[in-house]
PDB file of all heavy atoms in Angstrom:
ATOM      1  N   THR A   1      -5.502  -0.616 -14.823  1.00  0.00           N
ATOM      2  CA  THR A   1      -6.133  -1.291 -13.686  1.00  0.00           C
ATOM      3  C   THR A   1      -5.263  -1.090 -12.462  1.00  0.00           C
ATOM      4  O   THR A   1      -4.044  -1.194 -12.561  1.00  0.00           O
ATOM      5  CB  THR A   1      -6.246  -2.817 -13.942  1.00  0.00           C
ATOM      6  OG1 THR A   1      -6.907  -3.038 -15.179  1.00  0.00           O
ATOM      7  CG2 THR A   1      -6.990  -3.516 -12.833  1.00  0.00           C
ATOM      8  N   TRP A   2      -5.883  -0.810 -11.313  1.00  0.00           N
ATOM      9  CA  TRP A   2      -5.133  -0.758 -10.055  1.00  0.00           C
ATOM     10  C   TRP A   2      -6.004  -1.305  -8.941  1.00  0.00           C
ATOM     11  O   TRP A   2      -7.108  -0.837  -8.726  1.00  0.00           O
ATOM     12  CB  TRP A   2      -4.661   0.645  -9.709  1.00  0.00           C
ATOM     13  CG  TRP A   2      -3.827   0.619  -8.477  1.00  0.00           C
ATOM     14  CD1 TRP A   2      -4.193   1.000  -7.216  1.00  0.00           C
ATOM     15  CD2 TRP A   2      -2.508   0.101  -8.366  1.00  0.00           C
ATOM     16  NE1 TRP A   2      -3.168   0.769  -6.336  1.00  0.00           N
ATOM     17  CE2 TRP A   2      -2.123   0.201  -7.014  1.00  0.00           C
ATOM     18  CE3 TRP A   2      -1.609  -0.455  -9.270  1.00  0.00           C
ATOM     19  CZ2 TRP A   2      -0.875  -0.215  -6.561  1.00  0.00           C
ATOM     20  CZ3 TRP A   2      -0.378  -0.866  -8.816  1.00  0.00           C
ATOM     21  CH2 TRP A   2      -0.016  -0.746  -7.473  1.00  0.00           C
ATOM     22  N   LYS A   3      -5.514  -2.325  -8.246  1.00  0.00           N
ATOM     23  CA  LYS A   3      -6.220  -2.933  -7.110  1.00  0.00           C
ATOM     24  C   LYS A   3      -5.488  -2.520  -5.845  1.00  0.00           C
ATOM     25  O   LYS A   3      -4.507  -3.143  -5.456  1.00  0.00           O
ATOM     26  CB  LYS A   3      -6.273  -4.444  -7.267  1.00  0.00           C
ATOM     27  CG  LYS A   3      -7.054  -4.869  -8.501  1.00  0.00           C
ATOM     28  CD  LYS A   3      -7.164  -6.365  -8.587  1.00  0.00           C
ATOM     29  CE  LYS A   3      -7.870  -6.768  -9.841  1.00  0.00           C
ATOM     30  NZ  LYS A   3      -9.291  -6.753  -9.762  1.00  0.00           N
ATOM     31  N   ASP A   4      -5.972  -1.449  -5.223  1.00  0.00           N
ATOM     32  CA  ASP A   4      -5.318  -0.878  -4.049  1.00  0.00           C
ATOM     33  C   ASP A   4      -5.229  -1.879  -2.906  1.00  0.00           C
ATOM     34  O   ASP A   4      -4.213  -1.962  -2.230  1.00  0.00           O
ATOM     35  CB  ASP A   4      -6.091   0.360  -3.597  1.00  0.00           C
ATOM     36  CG  ASP A   4      -5.184   1.453  -3.083  1.00  0.00           C
ATOM     37  OD1 ASP A   4      -3.999   1.460  -3.451  1.00  0.00           O
ATOM     38  OD2 ASP A   4      -5.681   2.290  -2.318  1.00  0.00           O
ATOM     39  N   ASP A   5      -6.273  -2.663  -2.719  1.00  0.00           N
ATOM     40  CA  ASP A   5      -6.293  -3.629  -1.621  1.00  0.00           C
ATOM     41  C   ASP A   5      -5.282  -4.757  -1.806  1.00  0.00           C
ATOM     42  O   ASP A   5      -4.831  -5.369  -0.847  1.00  0.00           O
ATOM     43  CB  ASP A   5      -7.697  -4.209  -1.430  1.00  0.00           C
ATOM     44  CG  ASP A   5      -8.239  -4.894  -2.677  1.00  0.00           C
ATOM     45  OD1 ASP A   5      -7.918  -4.449  -3.800  1.00  0.00           O
ATOM     46  OD2 ASP A   5      -9.001  -5.868  -2.525  1.00  0.00           O
ATOM     47  N   LYS A   6      -4.881  -5.018  -3.038  1.00  0.00           N
ATOM     48  CA  LYS A   6      -3.915  -6.086  -3.312  1.00  0.00           C
ATOM     49  C   LYS A   6      -2.533  -5.544  -3.674  1.00  0.00           C
ATOM     50  O   LYS A   6      -1.562  -6.284  -3.711  1.00  0.00           O
ATOM     51  CB  LYS A   6      -4.431  -6.970  -4.438  1.00  0.00           C
ATOM     52  CG  LYS A   6      -5.782  -7.578  -4.090  1.00  0.00           C
ATOM     53  CD  LYS A   6      -5.952  -8.890  -4.726  1.00  0.00           C
ATOM     54  CE  LYS A   6      -7.341  -9.391  -4.396  1.00  0.00           C
ATOM     55  NZ  LYS A   6      -7.360 -10.686  -3.848  1.00  0.00           N
ATOM     56  N   GLY A   7      -2.458  -4.238  -3.999  1.00  0.00           N
ATOM     57  CA  GLY A   7      -1.164  -3.614  -4.281  1.00  0.00           C
ATOM     58  C   GLY A   7      -0.585  -3.905  -5.648  1.00  0.00           C
ATOM     59  O   GLY A   7       0.624  -3.922  -5.825  1.00  0.00           O
ATOM     60  N   PHE A   8      -1.449  -4.114  -6.640  1.00  0.00           N
ATOM     61  CA  PHE A   8      -0.930  -4.317  -7.987  1.00  0.00           C
ATOM     62  C   PHE A   8      -1.919  -3.824  -9.032  1.00  0.00           C
ATOM     63  O   PHE A   8      -3.072  -3.544  -8.736  1.00  0.00           O
ATOM     64  CB  PHE A   8      -0.590  -5.791  -8.244  1.00  0.00           C
ATOM     65  CG  PHE A   8      -1.789  -6.687  -8.414  1.00  0.00           C
ATOM     66  CD1 PHE A   8      -2.354  -6.873  -9.675  1.00  0.00           C
ATOM     67  CD2 PHE A   8      -2.352  -7.344  -7.337  1.00  0.00           C
ATOM     68  CE1 PHE A   8      -3.461  -7.688  -9.849  1.00  0.00           C
ATOM     69  CE2 PHE A   8      -3.451  -8.167  -7.500  1.00  0.00           C
ATOM     70  CZ  PHE A   8      -4.006  -8.343  -8.756  1.00  0.00           C
ATOM     71  N   GLY A   9      -1.418  -3.718 -10.251  1.00  0.00           N
ATOM     72  CA  GLY A   9      -2.249  -3.307 -11.371  1.00  0.00           C
ATOM     73  C   GLY A   9      -1.555  -3.644 -12.672  1.00  0.00           C
ATOM     74  O   GLY A   9      -0.563  -4.372 -12.694  1.00  0.00           O
ATOM     75  N   PHE A  10      -2.088  -3.092 -13.765  1.00  0.00           N
ATOM     76  CA  PHE A  10      -1.548  -3.376 -15.086  1.00  0.00           C
ATOM     77  C   PHE A  10      -1.392  -2.096 -15.885  1.00  0.00           C
ATOM     78  O   PHE A  10      -2.237  -1.208 -15.841  1.00  0.00           O
ATOM     79  CB  PHE A  10      -2.455  -4.348 -15.845  1.00  0.00           C
ATOM     80  CG  PHE A  10      -2.456  -5.718 -15.247  1.00  0.00           C
ATOM     81  CD1 PHE A  10      -3.380  -6.055 -14.276  1.00  0.00           C
ATOM     82  CD2 PHE A  10      -1.511  -6.655 -15.622  1.00  0.00           C
ATOM     83  CE1 PHE A  10      -3.374  -7.307 -13.696  1.00  0.00           C
ATOM     84  CE2 PHE A  10      -1.494  -7.913 -15.043  1.00  0.00           C
ATOM     85  CZ  PHE A  10      -2.430  -8.239 -14.079  1.00  0.00           C
ATOM     86  N   ILE A  11      -0.277  -2.028 -16.607  1.00  0.00           N
ATOM     87  CA  ILE A  11       0.027  -0.914 -17.492  1.00  0.00           C
ATOM     88  C   ILE A  11      -0.205  -1.391 -18.921  1.00  0.00           C
ATOM     89  O   ILE A  11       0.308  -2.444 -19.315  1.00  0.00           O
ATOM     90  CB  ILE A  11       1.505  -0.487 -17.363  1.00  0.00           C
ATOM     91  CG1 ILE A  11       1.830  -0.108 -15.928  1.00  0.00           C
ATOM     92  CG2 ILE A  11       1.822   0.650 -18.330  1.00  0.00           C
ATOM     93  CD1 ILE A  11       3.327   0.019 -15.669  1.00  0.00           C
ATOM     94  N   ARG A  12      -0.951  -0.619 -19.700  1.00  0.00           N
ATOM     95  CA  ARG A  12      -1.098  -0.903 -21.134  1.00  0.00           C
ATOM     96  C   ARG A  12       0.002  -0.136 -21.850  1.00  0.00           C
ATOM     97  O   ARG A  12       0.104   1.088 -21.716  1.00  0.00           O
ATOM     98  CB  ARG A  12      -2.468  -0.458 -21.617  1.00  0.00           C
ATOM     99  CG  ARG A  12      -2.700  -0.443 -23.126  1.00  0.00           C
ATOM    100  CD  ARG A  12      -2.756  -1.802 -23.820  1.00  0.00           C
ATOM    101  NE  ARG A  12      -3.589  -2.784 -23.187  1.00  0.00           N
ATOM    102  CZ  ARG A  12      -4.843  -3.069 -23.520  1.00  0.00           C
ATOM    103  NH1 ARG A  12      -5.441  -2.414 -24.483  1.00  0.00           N
ATOM    104  NH2 ARG A  12      -5.490  -4.031 -22.891  1.00  0.00           N
ATOM    105  N   SER A  13       0.839  -0.860 -22.583  1.00  0.00           N
ATOM    106  CA  SER A  13       1.942  -0.206 -23.288  1.00  0.00           C
ATOM    107  C   SER A  13       1.402   0.829 -24.267  1.00  0.00           C
ATOM    108  O   SER A  13       0.272   0.713 -24.759  1.00  0.00           O
ATOM    109  CB  SER A  13       2.801  -1.240 -24.025  1.00  0.00           C
ATOM    110  OG  SER A  13       2.029  -1.924 -24.991  1.00  0.00           O
ATOM    111  N   SER A  14       2.196   1.849 -24.540  1.00  0.00           N
ATOM    112  CA  SER A  14       1.736   2.955 -25.384  1.00  0.00           C
ATOM    113  C   SER A  14       1.373   2.501 -26.794  1.00  0.00           C
ATOM    114  O   SER A  14       0.546   3.120 -27.445  1.00  0.00           O
ATOM    115  CB  SER A  14       2.775   4.074 -25.431  1.00  0.00           C
ATOM    116  OG  SER A  14       3.986   3.588 -25.943  1.00  0.00           O
ATOM    117  N   ASP A  15       1.967   1.406 -27.258  1.00  0.00           N
ATOM    118  CA  ASP A  15       1.606   0.903 -28.588  1.00  0.00           C
ATOM    119  C   ASP A  15       0.409  -0.048 -28.524  1.00  0.00           C
ATOM    120  O   ASP A  15      -0.055  -0.548 -29.547  1.00  0.00           O
ATOM    121  CB  ASP A  15       2.794   0.242 -29.272  1.00  0.00           C
ATOM    122  CG  ASP A  15       3.311  -0.990 -28.544  1.00  0.00           C
ATOM    123  OD1 ASP A  15       2.693  -1.428 -27.543  1.00  0.00           O
ATOM    124  OD2 ASP A  15       4.343  -1.527 -28.967  1.00  0.00           O
ATOM    125  N   GLY A  16      -0.087  -0.318 -27.300  1.00  0.00           N
ATOM    126  CA  GLY A  16      -1.288  -1.130 -27.131  1.00  0.00           C
ATOM    127  C   GLY A  16      -1.114  -2.620 -27.324  1.00  0.00           C
ATOM    128  O   GLY A  16      -2.094  -3.362 -27.357  1.00  0.00           O
ATOM    129  N   THR A  17       0.127  -3.079 -27.418  1.00  0.00           N
ATOM    130  CA  THR A  17       0.354  -4.496 -27.703  1.00  0.00           C
ATOM    131  C   THR A  17       0.518  -5.365 -26.464  1.00  0.00           C
ATOM    132  O   THR A  17       0.512  -6.585 -26.574  1.00  0.00           O
ATOM    133  CB  THR A  17       1.614  -4.682 -28.570  1.00  0.00           C
ATOM    134  OG1 THR A  17       2.742  -4.178 -27.857  1.00  0.00           O
ATOM    135  CG2 THR A  17       1.473  -3.976 -29.906  1.00  0.00           C
ATOM    136  N   GLN A  18       0.642  -4.744 -25.297  1.00  0.00           N
ATOM    137  CA  GLN A  18       1.005  -5.535 -24.132  1.00  0.00           C
ATOM    138  C   GLN A  18       0.447  -4.925 -22.848  1.00  0.00           C
ATOM    139  O   GLN A  18       0.464  -3.705 -22.670  1.00  0.00           O
ATOM    140  CB  GLN A  18       2.530  -5.576 -24.065  1.00  0.00           C
ATOM    141  CG  GLN A  18       3.125  -6.470 -23.040  1.00  0.00           C
ATOM    142  CD  GLN A  18       4.635  -6.500 -23.193  1.00  0.00           C
ATOM    143  OE1 GLN A  18       5.273  -5.485 -23.383  1.00  0.00           O
ATOM    144  NE2 GLN A  18       5.203  -7.678 -23.115  1.00  0.00           N
ATOM    145  N   ASP A  19      -0.061  -5.777 -21.965  1.00  0.00           N
ATOM    146  CA  ASP A  19      -0.409  -5.376 -20.608  1.00  0.00           C
ATOM    147  C   ASP A  19       0.686  -5.893 -19.693  1.00  0.00           C
ATOM    148  O   ASP A  19       1.024  -7.068 -19.718  1.00  0.00           O
ATOM    149  CB  ASP A  19      -1.759  -5.964 -20.183  1.00  0.00           C
ATOM    150  CG  ASP A  19      -2.923  -5.267 -20.853  1.00  0.00           C
ATOM    151  OD1 ASP A  19      -2.786  -4.102 -21.227  1.00  0.00           O
ATOM    152  OD2 ASP A  19      -3.984  -5.901 -21.008  1.00  0.00           O
ATOM    153  N   VAL A  20       1.248  -4.996 -18.889  1.00  0.00           N
ATOM    154  CA  VAL A  20       2.403  -5.320 -18.049  1.00  0.00           C
ATOM    155  C   VAL A  20       2.014  -5.210 -16.587  1.00  0.00           C
ATOM    156  O   VAL A  20       1.437  -4.213 -16.154  1.00  0.00           O
ATOM    157  CB  VAL A  20       3.581  -4.359 -18.362  1.00  0.00           C
ATOM    158  CG1 VAL A  20       4.777  -4.673 -17.494  1.00  0.00           C
ATOM    159  CG2 VAL A  20       3.945  -4.417 -19.834  1.00  0.00           C
ATOM    160  N   PHE A  21       2.349  -6.224 -15.809  1.00  0.00           N
ATOM    161  CA  PHE A  21       2.070  -6.278 -14.377  1.00  0.00           C
ATOM    162  C   PHE A  21       2.922  -5.246 -13.635  1.00  0.00           C
ATOM    163  O   PHE A  21       4.110  -5.101 -13.910  1.00  0.00           O
ATOM    164  CB  PHE A  21       2.388  -7.685 -13.864  1.00  0.00           C
ATOM    165  CG  PHE A  21       2.158  -7.880 -12.398  1.00  0.00           C
ATOM    166  CD1 PHE A  21       0.891  -8.130 -11.907  1.00  0.00           C
ATOM    167  CD2 PHE A  21       3.211  -7.829 -11.502  1.00  0.00           C
ATOM    168  CE1 PHE A  21       0.673  -8.323 -10.548  1.00  0.00           C
ATOM    169  CE2 PHE A  21       3.008  -8.025 -10.142  1.00  0.00           C
ATOM    170  CZ  PHE A  21       1.737  -8.263  -9.672  1.00  0.00           C
ATOM    171  N   LEU A  22       2.295  -4.534 -12.696  1.00  0.00           N
ATOM    172  CA  LEU A  22       3.001  -3.564 -11.853  1.00  0.00           C
ATOM    173  C   LEU A  22       2.643  -3.824 -10.401  1.00  0.00           C
ATOM    174  O   LEU A  22       1.468  -3.804 -10.034  1.00  0.00           O
ATOM    175  CB  LEU A  22       2.601  -2.131 -12.232  1.00  0.00           C
ATOM    176  CG  LEU A  22       3.164  -1.022 -11.341  1.00  0.00           C
ATOM    177  CD1 LEU A  22       4.678  -0.925 -11.500  1.00  0.00           C
ATOM    178  CD2 LEU A  22       2.507   0.307 -11.676  1.00  0.00           C
ATOM    179  N   HIS A  23       3.645  -4.074  -9.564  1.00  0.00           N
ATOM    180  CA  HIS A  23       3.435  -4.301  -8.136  1.00  0.00           C
ATOM    181  C   HIS A  23       3.836  -3.052  -7.366  1.00  0.00           C
ATOM    182  O   HIS A  23       4.751  -2.335  -7.756  1.00  0.00           O
ATOM    183  CB  HIS A  23       4.252  -5.503  -7.653  1.00  0.00           C
ATOM    184  CG  HIS A  23       3.816  -5.980  -6.308  1.00  0.00           C
ATOM    185  ND1 HIS A  23       4.398  -5.537  -5.149  1.00  0.00           N
ATOM    186  CD2 HIS A  23       2.833  -6.842  -5.942  1.00  0.00           C
ATOM    187  CE1 HIS A  23       3.798  -6.115  -4.115  1.00  0.00           C
ATOM    188  NE2 HIS A  23       2.840  -6.903  -4.575  1.00  0.00           N
ATOM    189  N   ILE A  24       3.161  -2.802  -6.270  1.00  0.00           N
ATOM    190  CA  ILE A  24       3.396  -1.610  -5.448  1.00  0.00           C
ATOM    191  C   ILE A  24       4.861  -1.499  -5.005  1.00  0.00           C
ATOM    192  O   ILE A  24       5.387  -0.401  -4.874  1.00  0.00           O
ATOM    193  CB  ILE A  24       2.432  -1.563  -4.237  1.00  0.00           C
ATOM    194  CG1 ILE A  24       2.477  -0.203  -3.538  1.00  0.00           C
ATOM    195  CG2 ILE A  24       2.727  -2.677  -3.251  1.00  0.00           C
ATOM    196  CD1 ILE A  24       1.846   0.905  -4.303  1.00  0.00           C
TER     197      ILE A  24
END
């Protein structure tokens, strides 16, 4: 997920166990 207008998104870990917040 990436919300360009808000400057953040989420990374799904390669093992699929966790969604991690990412800020611009």
